[in-house]
Amino acid sequence: PTTKKVCKLLTFDVDLTTNQKEVANHLKRFIRELDESKLQKF
């Protein structure tokens, strides 16, 4: 796993609300900040 590969795995519904889009961005940002050990845990 790499952060880029894991972010590409994420799939979301097409019609997200504004709040859901913001949380989806939080999730992607969270993944991008993970080190190798935490990425494996995720």
PDB file of all heavy atoms in Angstrom:
ATOM      1  N   PRO A   1       0.817  -1.225   0.000  1.00  0.00           N
ATOM      2  CA  PRO A   1       0.000   0.000   0.000  1.00  0.00           C
ATOM      3  C   PRO A   1       0.847   1.270   0.000  1.00  0.00           C
ATOM      4  O   PRO A   1       1.906   1.330   0.609  1.00  0.00           O
ATOM      5  CB  PRO A   1      -0.796  -0.117   1.303  1.00  0.00           C
ATOM      6  CG  PRO A   1       0.055  -0.946   2.198  1.00  0.00           C
ATOM      7  CD  PRO A   1       0.798  -1.900   1.292  1.00  0.00           C
ATOM      8  N   THR A   2       0.362   2.239  -0.727  1.00  0.00           N
ATOM      9  CA  THR A   2       0.870   3.604  -0.641  1.00  0.00           C
ATOM     10  C   THR A   2      -0.354   4.490  -0.435  1.00  0.00           C
ATOM     11  O   THR A   2      -1.478   4.074  -0.733  1.00  0.00           O
ATOM     12  CB  THR A   2       1.610   4.046  -1.922  1.00  0.00           C
ATOM     13  OG1 THR A   2       0.675   4.071  -2.997  1.00  0.00           O
ATOM     14  CG2 THR A   2       2.769   3.134  -2.248  1.00  0.00           C
ATOM     15  N   THR A   3      -0.130   5.681   0.036  1.00  0.00           N
ATOM     16  CA  THR A   3      -1.278   6.565   0.283  1.00  0.00           C
ATOM     17  C   THR A   3      -2.020   6.861  -1.011  1.00  0.00           C
ATOM     18  O   THR A   3      -3.251   6.920  -1.027  1.00  0.00           O
ATOM     19  CB  THR A   3      -0.830   7.873   0.959  1.00  0.00           C
ATOM     20  OG1 THR A   3       0.157   8.505   0.151  1.00  0.00           O
ATOM     21  CG2 THR A   3      -0.254   7.608   2.335  1.00  0.00           C
ATOM     22  N   LYS A   4      -1.288   7.001  -2.098  1.00  0.00           N
ATOM     23  CA  LYS A   4      -1.916   7.298  -3.387  1.00  0.00           C
ATOM     24  C   LYS A   4      -2.784   6.115  -3.850  1.00  0.00           C
ATOM     25  O   LYS A   4      -3.914   6.301  -4.303  1.00  0.00           O
ATOM     26  CB  LYS A   4      -0.824   7.590  -4.426  1.00  0.00           C
ATOM     27  CG  LYS A   4      -1.321   8.168  -5.706  1.00  0.00           C
ATOM     28  CD  LYS A   4      -0.149   8.509  -6.609  1.00  0.00           C
ATOM     29  CE  LYS A   4      -0.392   9.857  -7.238  1.00  0.00           C
ATOM     30  NZ  LYS A   4       0.705  10.301  -8.068  1.00  0.00           N
ATOM     31  N   LYS A   5      -2.245   4.884  -3.727  1.00  0.00           N
ATOM     32  CA  LYS A   5      -3.000   3.699  -4.133  1.00  0.00           C
ATOM     33  C   LYS A   5      -4.267   3.536  -3.295  1.00  0.00           C
ATOM     34  O   LYS A   5      -5.329   3.199  -3.816  1.00  0.00           O
ATOM     35  CB  LYS A   5      -2.141   2.436  -4.000  1.00  0.00           C
ATOM     36  CG  LYS A   5      -1.045   2.284  -5.006  1.00  0.00           C
ATOM     37  CD  LYS A   5      -0.288   0.983  -4.719  1.00  0.00           C
ATOM     38  CE  LYS A   5       0.946   0.803  -5.531  1.00  0.00           C
ATOM     39  NZ  LYS A   5       1.668  -0.434  -5.156  1.00  0.00           N
ATOM     40  N   VAL A   6      -4.147   3.762  -1.989  1.00  0.00           N
ATOM     41  CA  VAL A   6      -5.297   3.587  -1.099  1.00  0.00           C
ATOM     42  C   VAL A   6      -6.362   4.643  -1.395  1.00  0.00           C
ATOM     43  O   VAL A   6      -7.555   4.338  -1.414  1.00  0.00           O
ATOM     44  CB  VAL A   6      -4.862   3.604   0.385  1.00  0.00           C
ATOM     45  CG1 VAL A   6      -6.063   3.590   1.307  1.00  0.00           C
ATOM     46  CG2 VAL A   6      -3.960   2.406   0.683  1.00  0.00           C
ATOM     47  N   CYS A   7      -5.948   5.868  -1.640  1.00  0.00           N
ATOM     48  CA  CYS A   7      -6.931   6.912  -1.983  1.00  0.00           C
ATOM     49  C   CYS A   7      -7.677   6.552  -3.269  1.00  0.00           C
ATOM     50  O   CYS A   7      -8.870   6.838  -3.395  1.00  0.00           O
ATOM     51  CB  CYS A   7      -6.248   8.275  -2.131  1.00  0.00           C
ATOM     52  SG  CYS A   7      -5.891   9.062  -0.543  1.00  0.00           S
ATOM     53  N   LYS A   8      -6.992   5.931  -4.217  1.00  0.00           N
ATOM     54  CA  LYS A   8      -7.644   5.525  -5.470  1.00  0.00           C
ATOM     55  C   LYS A   8      -8.652   4.394  -5.254  1.00  0.00           C
ATOM     56  O   LYS A   8      -9.544   4.201  -6.068  1.00  0.00           O
ATOM     57  CB  LYS A   8      -6.600   5.103  -6.502  1.00  0.00           C
ATOM     58  CG  LYS A   8      -5.857   6.263  -7.119  1.00  0.00           C
ATOM     59  CD  LYS A   8      -4.891   5.794  -8.179  1.00  0.00           C
ATOM     60  CE  LYS A   8      -4.150   6.970  -8.787  1.00  0.00           C
ATOM     61  NZ  LYS A   8      -3.193   6.550  -9.819  1.00  0.00           N
ATOM     62  N   LEU A   9      -8.494   3.634  -4.169  1.00  0.00           N
ATOM     63  CA  LEU A   9      -9.431   2.547  -3.880  1.00  0.00           C
ATOM     64  C   LEU A   9     -10.791   3.054  -3.408  1.00  0.00           C
ATOM     65  O   LEU A   9     -11.798   2.362  -3.554  1.00  0.00           O
ATOM     66  CB  LEU A   9      -8.863   1.625  -2.789  1.00  0.00           C
ATOM     67  CG  LEU A   9      -7.635   0.793  -3.111  1.00  0.00           C
ATOM     68  CD1 LEU A   9      -7.199   0.018  -1.872  1.00  0.00           C
ATOM     69  CD2 LEU A   9      -7.902  -0.151  -4.259  1.00  0.00           C
ATOM     70  N   LEU A  10     -10.820   4.246  -2.834  1.00  0.00           N
ATOM     71  CA  LEU A  10     -12.055   4.771  -2.245  1.00  0.00           C
ATOM     72  C   LEU A  10     -13.100   5.045  -3.314  1.00  0.00           C
ATOM     73  O   LEU A  10     -12.818   5.693  -4.321  1.00  0.00           O
ATOM     74  CB  LEU A  10     -11.774   6.054  -1.467  1.00  0.00           C
ATOM     75  CG  LEU A  10     -10.764   5.960  -0.328  1.00  0.00           C
ATOM     76  CD1 LEU A  10     -10.546   7.326   0.293  1.00  0.00           C
ATOM     77  CD2 LEU A  10     -11.181   4.945   0.705  1.00  0.00           C
ATOM     78  N   THR A  11     -14.309   4.531  -3.083  1.00  0.00           N
ATOM     79  CA  THR A  11     -15.433   4.831  -3.977  1.00  0.00           C
ATOM     80  C   THR A  11     -16.568   5.397  -3.140  1.00  0.00           C
ATOM     81  O   THR A  11     -16.841   4.922  -2.038  1.00  0.00           O
ATOM     82  CB  THR A  11     -15.920   3.581  -4.744  1.00  0.00           C
ATOM     83  OG1 THR A  11     -16.318   2.589  -3.809  1.00  0.00           O
ATOM     84  CG2 THR A  11     -14.847   3.038  -5.656  1.00  0.00           C
ATOM     85  N   PHE A  12     -17.216   6.405  -3.679  1.00  0.00           N
ATOM     86  CA  PHE A  12     -18.301   7.100  -2.985  1.00  0.00           C
ATOM     87  C   PHE A  12     -19.524   7.088  -3.884  1.00  0.00           C
ATOM     88  O   PHE A  12     -19.419   6.898  -5.101  1.00  0.00           O
ATOM     89  CB  PHE A  12     -17.905   8.560  -2.701  1.00  0.00           C
ATOM     90  CG  PHE A  12     -16.659   8.713  -1.891  1.00  0.00           C
ATOM     91  CD1 PHE A  12     -15.417   8.857  -2.514  1.00  0.00           C
ATOM     92  CD2 PHE A  12     -16.697   8.724  -0.514  1.00  0.00           C
ATOM     93  CE1 PHE A  12     -14.257   9.004  -1.771  1.00  0.00           C
ATOM     94  CE2 PHE A  12     -15.551   8.872   0.244  1.00  0.00           C
ATOM     95  CZ  PHE A  12     -14.330   9.011  -0.391  1.00  0.00           C
ATOM     96  N   ASP A  13     -20.674   7.332  -3.286  1.00  0.00           N
ATOM     97  CA  ASP A  13     -21.884   7.537  -4.078  1.00  0.00           C
ATOM     98  C   ASP A  13     -21.698   8.778  -4.949  1.00  0.00           C
ATOM     99  O   ASP A  13     -20.922   9.675  -4.605  1.00  0.00           O
ATOM    100  CB  ASP A  13     -23.104   7.722  -3.178  1.00  0.00           C
ATOM    101  CG  ASP A  13     -23.560   6.404  -2.548  1.00  0.00           C
ATOM    102  OD1 ASP A  13     -23.290   5.341  -3.132  1.00  0.00           O
ATOM    103  OD2 ASP A  13     -24.181   6.458  -1.470  1.00  0.00           O
ATOM    104  N   VAL A  14     -22.438   8.848  -6.036  1.00  0.00           N
ATOM    105  CA  VAL A  14     -22.313   9.972  -6.963  1.00  0.00           C
ATOM    106  C   VAL A  14     -22.919  11.243  -6.390  1.00  0.00           C
ATOM    107  O   VAL A  14     -22.356  12.330  -6.517  1.00  0.00           O
ATOM    108  CB  VAL A  14     -22.978   9.624  -8.316  1.00  0.00           C
ATOM    109  CG1 VAL A  14     -22.884  10.789  -9.273  1.00  0.00           C
ATOM    110  CG2 VAL A  14     -22.342   8.380  -8.905  1.00  0.00           C
ATOM    111  N   ASP A  15     -24.044  11.124  -5.738  1.00  0.00           N
ATOM    112  CA  ASP A  15     -24.781  12.298  -5.251  1.00  0.00           C
ATOM    113  C   ASP A  15     -24.527  12.546  -3.768  1.00  0.00           C
ATOM    114  O   ASP A  15     -25.359  12.256  -2.932  1.00  0.00           O
ATOM    115  CB  ASP A  15     -26.273  12.142  -5.531  1.00  0.00           C
ATOM    116  CG  ASP A  15     -26.825  10.840  -4.954  1.00  0.00           C
ATOM    117  OD1 ASP A  15     -26.026   9.903  -4.726  1.00  0.00           O
ATOM    118  OD2 ASP A  15     -28.044  10.772  -4.717  1.00  0.00           O
ATOM    119  N   LEU A  16     -23.367  13.128  -3.470  1.00  0.00           N
ATOM    120  CA  LEU A  16     -23.015  13.421  -2.079  1.00  0.00           C
ATOM    121  C   LEU A  16     -23.486  14.815  -1.707  1.00  0.00           C
ATOM    122  O   LEU A  16     -23.461  15.742  -2.525  1.00  0.00           O
ATOM    123  CB  LEU A  16     -21.503  13.342  -1.880  1.00  0.00           C
ATOM    124  CG  LEU A  16     -20.836  11.984  -2.091  1.00  0.00           C
ATOM    125  CD1 LEU A  16     -19.335  12.106  -1.870  1.00  0.00           C
ATOM    126  CD2 LEU A  16     -21.417  10.931  -1.171  1.00  0.00           C
ATOM    127  N   THR A  17     -23.903  14.955  -0.455  1.00  0.00           N
ATOM    128  CA  THR A  17     -24.261  16.278   0.059  1.00  0.00           C
ATOM    129  C   THR A  17     -22.977  17.070   0.305  1.00  0.00           C
ATOM    130  O   THR A  17     -21.872  16.523   0.256  1.00  0.00           O
ATOM    131  CB  THR A  17     -25.039  16.158   1.377  1.00  0.00           C
ATOM    132  OG1 THR A  17     -24.164  15.618   2.383  1.00  0.00           O
ATOM    133  CG2 THR A  17     -26.279  15.287   1.225  1.00  0.00           C
ATOM    134  N   THR A  18     -23.118  18.324   0.611  1.00  0.00           N
ATOM    135  CA  THR A  18     -21.963  19.183   0.885  1.00  0.00           C
ATOM    136  C   THR A  18     -21.173  18.656   2.081  1.00  0.00           C
ATOM    137  O   THR A  18     -19.940  18.588   2.042  1.00  0.00           O
ATOM    138  CB  THR A  18     -22.421  20.631   1.148  1.00  0.00           C
ATOM    139  OG1 THR A  18     -23.222  21.061   0.051  1.00  0.00           O
ATOM    140  CG2 THR A  18     -21.236  21.554   1.309  1.00  0.00           C
ATOM    141  N   ASN A  19     -21.895  18.275   3.146  1.00  0.00           N
ATOM    142  CA  ASN A  19     -21.227  17.721   4.331  1.00  0.00           C
ATOM    143  C   ASN A  19     -20.489  16.431   3.993  1.00  0.00           C
ATOM    144  O   ASN A  19     -19.363  16.209   4.453  1.00  0.00           O
ATOM    145  CB  ASN A  19     -22.237  17.456   5.449  1.00  0.00           C
ATOM    146  CG  ASN A  19     -22.677  18.707   6.152  1.00  0.00           C
ATOM    147  OD1 ASN A  19     -22.081  19.760   5.978  1.00  0.00           O
ATOM    148  ND2 ASN A  19     -23.736  18.601   6.937  1.00  0.00           N
ATOM    149  N   GLN A  20     -21.113  15.567   3.212  1.00  0.00           N
ATOM    150  CA  GLN A  20     -20.489  14.295   2.857  1.00  0.00           C
ATOM    151  C   GLN A  20     -19.243  14.519   2.002  1.00  0.00           C
ATOM    152  O   GLN A  20     -18.244  13.825   2.176  1.00  0.00           O
ATOM    153  CB  GLN A  20     -21.493  13.401   2.132  1.00  0.00           C
ATOM    154  CG  GLN A  20     -22.596  12.904   3.043  1.00  0.00           C
ATOM    155  CD  GLN A  20     -23.710  12.178   2.295  1.00  0.00           C
ATOM    156  OE1 GLN A  20     -23.863  12.307   1.079  1.00  0.00           O
ATOM    157  NE2 GLN A  20     -24.508  11.417   3.042  1.00  0.00           N
ATOM    158  N   LYS A  21     -19.284  15.483   1.089  1.00  0.00           N
ATOM    159  CA  LYS A  21     -18.099  15.800   0.289  1.00  0.00           C
ATOM    160  C   LYS A  21     -16.963  16.287   1.176  1.00  0.00           C
ATOM    161  O   LYS A  21     -15.802  15.934   0.975  1.00  0.00           O
ATOM    162  CB  LYS A  21     -18.438  16.871  -0.759  1.00  0.00           C
ATOM    163  CG  LYS A  21     -19.260  16.352  -1.912  1.00  0.00           C
ATOM    164  CD  LYS A  21     -19.582  17.462  -2.881  1.00  0.00           C
ATOM    165  CE  LYS A  21     -20.532  16.968  -3.971  1.00  0.00           C
ATOM    166  NZ  LYS A  21     -20.958  18.047  -4.869  1.00  0.00           N
ATOM    167  N   GLU A  22     -17.315  17.093   2.176  1.00  0.00           N
ATOM    168  CA  GLU A  22     -16.295  17.601   3.094  1.00  0.00           C
ATOM    169  C   GLU A  22     -15.673  16.454   3.899  1.00  0.00           C
ATOM    170  O   GLU A  22     -14.455  16.386   4.057  1.00  0.00           O
ATOM    171  CB  GLU A  22     -16.905  18.641   4.040  1.00  0.00           C
ATOM    172  CG  GLU A  22     -15.894  19.303   4.933  1.00  0.00           C
ATOM    173  CD  GLU A  22     -16.511  20.370   5.827  1.00  0.00           C
ATOM    174  OE1 GLU A  22     -17.608  20.869   5.500  1.00  0.00           O
ATOM    175  OE2 GLU A  22     -15.881  20.686   6.848  1.00  0.00           O
ATOM    176  N   VAL A  23     -16.505  15.531   4.382  1.00  0.00           N
ATOM    177  CA  VAL A  23     -15.990  14.386   5.136  1.00  0.00           C
ATOM    178  C   VAL A  23     -15.168  13.472   4.222  1.00  0.00           C
ATOM    179  O   VAL A  23     -14.139  12.922   4.640  1.00  0.00           O
ATOM    180  CB  VAL A  23     -17.141  13.620   5.831  1.00  0.00           C
ATOM    181  CG1 VAL A  23     -16.629  12.356   6.499  1.00  0.00           C
ATOM    182  CG2 VAL A  23     -17.822  14.511   6.859  1.00  0.00           C
ATOM    183  N   ALA A  24     -15.584  13.308   2.969  1.00  0.00           N
ATOM    184  CA  ALA A  24     -14.805  12.516   2.014  1.00  0.00           C
ATOM    185  C   ALA A  24     -13.420  13.134   1.823  1.00  0.00           C
ATOM    186  O   ALA A  24     -12.410  12.410   1.761  1.00  0.00           O
ATOM    187  CB  ALA A  24     -15.541  12.427   0.676  1.00  0.00           C
ATOM    188  N   ASN A  25     -13.357  14.446   1.762  1.00  0.00           N
ATOM    189  CA  ASN A  25     -12.064  15.134   1.660  1.00  0.00           C
ATOM    190  C   ASN A  25     -11.237  14.951   2.926  1.00  0.00           C
ATOM    191  O   ASN A  25     -10.018  14.794   2.864  1.00  0.00           O
ATOM    192  CB  ASN A  25     -12.253  16.615   1.357  1.00  0.00           C
ATOM    193  CG  ASN A  25     -12.725  16.843  -0.059  1.00  0.00           C
ATOM    194  OD1 ASN A  25     -12.458  16.039  -0.948  1.00  0.00           O
ATOM    195  ND2 ASN A  25     -13.451  17.930  -0.278  1.00  0.00           N
ATOM    196  N   HIS A  26     -11.912  14.963   4.089  1.00  0.00           N
ATOM    197  CA  HIS A  26     -11.207  14.683   5.354  1.00  0.00           C
ATOM    198  C   HIS A  26     -10.591  13.289   5.305  1.00  0.00           C
ATOM    199  O   HIS A  26      -9.447  13.091   5.730  1.00  0.00           O
ATOM    200  CB  HIS A  26     -12.150  14.762   6.546  1.00  0.00           C
ATOM    201  CG  HIS A  26     -12.627  16.138   6.898  1.00  0.00           C
ATOM    202  ND1 HIS A  26     -11.963  17.294   6.564  1.00  0.00           N
ATOM    203  CD2 HIS A  26     -13.739  16.548   7.582  1.00  0.00           C
ATOM    204  CE1 HIS A  26     -12.612  18.347   7.021  1.00  0.00           C
ATOM    205  NE2 HIS A  26     -13.710  17.914   7.638  1.00  0.00           N
ATOM    206  N   LEU A  27     -11.350  12.313   4.818  1.00  0.00           N
ATOM    207  CA  LEU A  27     -10.867  10.936   4.754  1.00  0.00           C
ATOM    208  C   LEU A  27      -9.641  10.837   3.840  1.00  0.00           C
ATOM    209  O   LEU A  27      -8.636  10.216   4.197  1.00  0.00           O
ATOM    210  CB  LEU A  27     -11.972   9.992   4.271  1.00  0.00           C
ATOM    211  CG  LEU A  27     -11.585   8.523   4.085  1.00  0.00           C
ATOM    212  CD1 LEU A  27     -11.140   7.906   5.409  1.00  0.00           C
ATOM    213  CD2 LEU A  27     -12.763   7.739   3.498  1.00  0.00           C
ATOM    214  N   LYS A  28      -9.706  11.440   2.674  1.00  0.00           N
ATOM    215  CA  LYS A  28      -8.564  11.407   1.752  1.00  0.00           C
ATOM    216  C   LYS A  28      -7.346  12.100   2.355  1.00  0.00           C
ATOM    217  O   LYS A  28      -6.218  11.592   2.249  1.00  0.00           O
ATOM    218  CB  LYS A  28      -8.942  12.058   0.424  1.00  0.00           C
ATOM    219  CG  LYS A  28      -9.938  11.249  -0.383  1.00  0.00           C
ATOM    220  CD  LYS A  28     -10.360  12.000  -1.629  1.00  0.00           C
ATOM    221  CE  LYS A  28     -11.466  11.275  -2.364  1.00  0.00           C
ATOM    222  NZ  LYS A  28     -11.971  12.047  -3.510  1.00  0.00           N
ATOM    223  N   ARG A  29      -7.569  13.227   2.999  1.00  0.00           N
ATOM    224  CA  ARG A  29      -6.459  13.938   3.646  1.00  0.00           C
ATOM    225  C   ARG A  29      -5.871  13.094   4.769  1.00  0.00           C
ATOM    226  O   ARG A  29      -4.645  13.020   4.919  1.00  0.00           O
ATOM    227  CB  ARG A  29      -6.957  15.283   4.196  1.00  0.00           C
ATOM    228  CG  ARG A  29      -5.893  16.084   4.893  1.00  0.00           C
ATOM    229  CD  ARG A  29      -6.419  17.417   5.370  1.00  0.00           C
ATOM    230  NE  ARG A  29      -5.438  18.096   6.200  1.00  0.00           N
ATOM    231  CZ  ARG A  29      -5.708  19.168   6.916  1.00  0.00           C
ATOM    232  NH1 ARG A  29      -6.909  19.733   6.877  1.00  0.00           N
ATOM    233  NH2 ARG A  29      -4.765  19.724   7.662  1.00  0.00           N
ATOM    234  N   PHE A  30      -6.745  12.455   5.541  1.00  0.00           N
ATOM    235  CA  PHE A  30      -6.292  11.584   6.629  1.00  0.00           C
ATOM    236  C   PHE A  30      -5.401  10.474   6.077  1.00  0.00           C
ATOM    237  O   PHE A  30      -4.326  10.205   6.613  1.00  0.00           O
ATOM    238  CB  PHE A  30      -7.512  10.999   7.352  1.00  0.00           C
ATOM    239  CG  PHE A  30      -7.172   9.980   8.390  1.00  0.00           C
ATOM    240  CD1 PHE A  30      -6.623  10.354   9.608  1.00  0.00           C
ATOM    241  CD2 PHE A  30      -7.391   8.630   8.155  1.00  0.00           C
ATOM    242  CE1 PHE A  30      -6.307   9.405  10.570  1.00  0.00           C
ATOM    243  CE2 PHE A  30      -7.079   7.679   9.113  1.00  0.00           C
ATOM    244  CZ  PHE A  30      -6.535   8.068  10.316  1.00  0.00           C
ATOM    245  N   ILE A  31      -5.826   9.843   4.995  1.00  0.00           N
ATOM    246  CA  ILE A  31      -5.053   8.752   4.406  1.00  0.00           C
ATOM    247  C   ILE A  31      -3.709   9.271   3.895  1.00  0.00           C
ATOM    248  O   ILE A  31      -2.674   8.625   4.093  1.00  0.00           O
ATOM    249  CB  ILE A  31      -5.851   8.064   3.278  1.00  0.00           C
ATOM    250  CG1 ILE A  31      -7.044   7.317   3.875  1.00  0.00           C
ATOM    251  CG2 ILE A  31      -4.971   7.115   2.469  1.00  0.00           C
ATOM    252  CD1 ILE A  31      -8.041   6.803   2.855  1.00  0.00           C
ATOM    253  N   ARG A  32      -3.698  10.412   3.235  1.00  0.00           N
ATOM    254  CA  ARG A  32      -2.450  10.966   2.701  1.00  0.00           C
ATOM    255  C   ARG A  32      -1.435  11.274   3.800  1.00  0.00           C
ATOM    256  O   ARG A  32      -0.233  11.265   3.542  1.00  0.00           O
ATOM    257  CB  ARG A  32      -2.735  12.225   1.882  1.00  0.00           C
ATOM    258  CG  ARG A  32      -3.325  11.934   0.516  1.00  0.00           C
ATOM    259  CD  ARG A  32      -3.324  13.173  -0.366  1.00  0.00           C
ATOM    260  NE  ARG A  32      -4.124  14.261   0.174  1.00  0.00           N
ATOM    261  CZ  ARG A  32      -5.396  14.494  -0.111  1.00  0.00           C
ATOM    262  NH1 ARG A  32      -6.034  13.698  -0.945  1.00  0.00           N
ATOM    263  NH2 ARG A  32      -6.031  15.508   0.427  1.00  0.00           N
ATOM    264  N   GLU A  33      -1.902  11.535   5.015  1.00  0.00           N
ATOM    265  CA  GLU A  33      -1.000  11.869   6.122  1.00  0.00           C
ATOM    266  C   GLU A  33      -0.502  10.645   6.897  1.00  0.00           C
ATOM    267  O   GLU A  33       0.346  10.779   7.774  1.00  0.00           O
ATOM    268  CB  GLU A  33      -1.698  12.824   7.093  1.00  0.00           C
ATOM    269  CG  GLU A  33      -1.950  14.197   6.532  1.00  0.00           C
ATOM    270  CD  GLU A  33      -2.623  15.133   7.522  1.00  0.00           C
ATOM    271  OE1 GLU A  33      -2.898  14.714   8.669  1.00  0.00           O
ATOM    272  OE2 GLU A  33      -2.880  16.292   7.149  1.00  0.00           O
ATOM    273  N   LEU A  34      -1.011   9.456   6.578  1.00  0.00           N
ATOM    274  CA  LEU A  34      -0.640   8.260   7.335  1.00  0.00           C
ATOM    275  C   LEU A  34       0.766   7.781   6.984  1.00  0.00           C
ATOM    276  O   LEU A  34       1.181   7.819   5.828  1.00  0.00           O
ATOM    277  CB  LEU A  34      -1.632   7.126   7.057  1.00  0.00           C
ATOM    278  CG  LEU A  34      -3.065   7.331   7.534  1.00  0.00           C
ATOM    279  CD1 LEU A  34      -3.943   6.169   7.101  1.00  0.00           C
ATOM    280  CD2 LEU A  34      -3.104   7.493   9.049  1.00  0.00           C
ATOM    281  N   ASP A  35       1.485   7.308   8.007  1.00  0.00           N
ATOM    282  CA  ASP A  35       2.762   6.656   7.736  1.00  0.00           C
ATOM    283  C   ASP A  35       2.487   5.205   7.329  1.00  0.00           C
ATOM    284  O   ASP A  35       1.334   4.759   7.320  1.00  0.00           O
ATOM    285  CB  ASP A  35       3.696   6.736   8.948  1.00  0.00           C
ATOM    286  CG  ASP A  35       3.148   6.036  10.189  1.00  0.00           C
ATOM    287  OD1 ASP A  35       2.209   5.232  10.071  1.00  0.00           O
ATOM    288  OD2 ASP A  35       3.667   6.301  11.285  1.00  0.00           O
ATOM    289  N   GLU A  36       3.521   4.478   6.990  1.00  0.00           N
ATOM    290  CA  GLU A  36       3.357   3.116   6.468  1.00  0.00           C
ATOM    291  C   GLU A  36       2.630   2.202   7.454  1.00  0.00           C
ATOM    292  O   GLU A  36       1.728   1.446   7.082  1.00  0.00           O
ATOM    293  CB  GLU A  36       4.726   2.522   6.126  1.00  0.00           C
ATOM    294  CG  GLU A  36       4.666   1.164   5.479  1.00  0.00           C
ATOM    295  CD  GLU A  36       6.040   0.621   5.119  1.00  0.00           C
ATOM    296  OE1 GLU A  36       6.970   1.437   4.903  1.00  0.00           O
ATOM    297  OE2 GLU A  36       6.182  -0.598   5.068  1.00  0.00           O
ATOM    298  N   SER A  37       2.983   2.275   8.719  1.00  0.00           N
ATOM    299  CA  SER A  37       2.371   1.424   9.738  1.00  0.00           C
ATOM    300  C   SER A  37       0.876   1.718   9.896  1.00  0.00           C
ATOM    301  O   SER A  37       0.048   0.808   9.935  1.00  0.00           O
ATOM    302  CB  SER A  37       3.096   1.635  11.070  1.00  0.00           C
ATOM    303  OG  SER A  37       2.420   0.979  12.109  1.00  0.00           O
ATOM    304  N   LYS A  38       0.540   2.994  10.000  1.00  0.00           N
ATOM    305  CA  LYS A  38      -0.869   3.368  10.153  1.00  0.00           C
ATOM    306  C   LYS A  38      -1.664   3.076   8.885  1.00  0.00           C
ATOM    307  O   LYS A  38      -2.839   2.737   8.948  1.00  0.00           O
ATOM    308  CB  LYS A  38      -0.985   4.854  10.497  1.00  0.00           C
ATOM    309  CG  LYS A  38      -0.664   5.173  11.933  1.00  0.00           C
ATOM    310  CD  LYS A  38      -1.923   5.498  12.696  1.00  0.00           C
ATOM    311  CE  LYS A  38      -1.654   5.802  14.134  1.00  0.00           C
ATOM    312  NZ  LYS A  38      -1.342   7.174  14.418  1.00  0.00           N
ATOM    313  N   LEU A  39      -1.027   3.207   7.730  1.00  0.00           N
ATOM    314  CA  LEU A  39      -1.699   2.898   6.476  1.00  0.00           C
ATOM    315  C   LEU A  39      -2.077   1.419   6.425  1.00  0.00           C
ATOM    316  O   LEU A  39      -3.175   1.064   6.006  1.00  0.00           O
ATOM    317  CB  LEU A  39      -0.812   3.273   5.287  1.00  0.00           C
ATOM    318  CG  LEU A  39      -1.442   3.179   3.909  1.00  0.00           C
ATOM    319  CD1 LEU A  39      -2.639   4.107   3.790  1.00  0.00           C
ATOM    320  CD2 LEU A  39      -0.412   3.503   2.833  1.00  0.00           C
ATOM    321  N   GLN A  40      -1.174   0.573   6.893  1.00  0.00           N
ATOM    322  CA  GLN A  40      -1.480  -0.859   6.963  1.00  0.00           C
ATOM    323  C   GLN A  40      -2.612  -1.120   7.944  1.00  0.00           C
ATOM    324  O   GLN A  40      -3.488  -1.949   7.682  1.00  0.00           O
ATOM    325  CB  GLN A  40      -0.232  -1.654   7.355  1.00  0.00           C
ATOM    326  CG  GLN A  40       0.788  -1.718   6.255  1.00  0.00           C
ATOM    327  CD  GLN A  40       2.056  -2.423   6.670  1.00  0.00           C
ATOM    328  OE1 GLN A  40       2.374  -2.546   7.857  1.00  0.00           O
ATOM    329  NE2 GLN A  40       2.811  -2.889   5.692  1.00  0.00           N
ATOM    330  N   LYS A  41      -2.638  -0.409   9.068  1.00  0.00           N
ATOM    331  CA  LYS A  41      -3.729  -0.552  10.026  1.00  0.00           C
ATOM    332  C   LYS A  41      -5.055  -0.107   9.419  1.00  0.00           C
ATOM    333  O   LYS A  41      -6.090  -0.737   9.632  1.00  0.00           O
ATOM    334  CB  LYS A  41      -3.453   0.249  11.307  1.00  0.00           C
ATOM    335  CG  LYS A  41      -2.446  -0.391  12.226  1.00  0.00           C
ATOM    336  CD  LYS A  41      -2.289   0.422  13.492  1.00  0.00           C
ATOM    337  CE  LYS A  41      -1.319  -0.242  14.448  1.00  0.00           C
ATOM    338  NZ  LYS A  41      -1.240   0.468  15.723  1.00  0.00           N
ATOM    339  N   PHE A  42      -5.013   0.982   8.658  1.00  0.00           N
ATOM    340  CA  PHE A  42      -6.229   1.454   7.993  1.00  0.00           C
ATOM    341  C   PHE A  42      -6.739   0.391   7.024  1.00  0.00           C
ATOM    342  O   PHE A  42      -7.933   0.071   7.015  1.00  0.00           O
ATOM    343  CB  PHE A  42      -5.951   2.764   7.253  1.00  0.00           C
ATOM    344  CG  PHE A  42      -7.129   3.246   6.447  1.00  0.00           C
ATOM    345  CD1 PHE A  42      -8.149   3.953   7.055  1.00  0.00           C
ATOM    346  CD2 PHE A  42      -7.222   2.969   5.090  1.00  0.00           C
ATOM    347  CE1 PHE A  42      -9.249   4.386   6.320  1.00  0.00           C
ATOM    348  CE2 PHE A  42      -8.318   3.394   4.353  1.00  0.00           C
ATOM    349  CZ  PHE A  42      -9.329   4.106   4.970  1.00  0.00           C
TER     350      PHE A  42
END
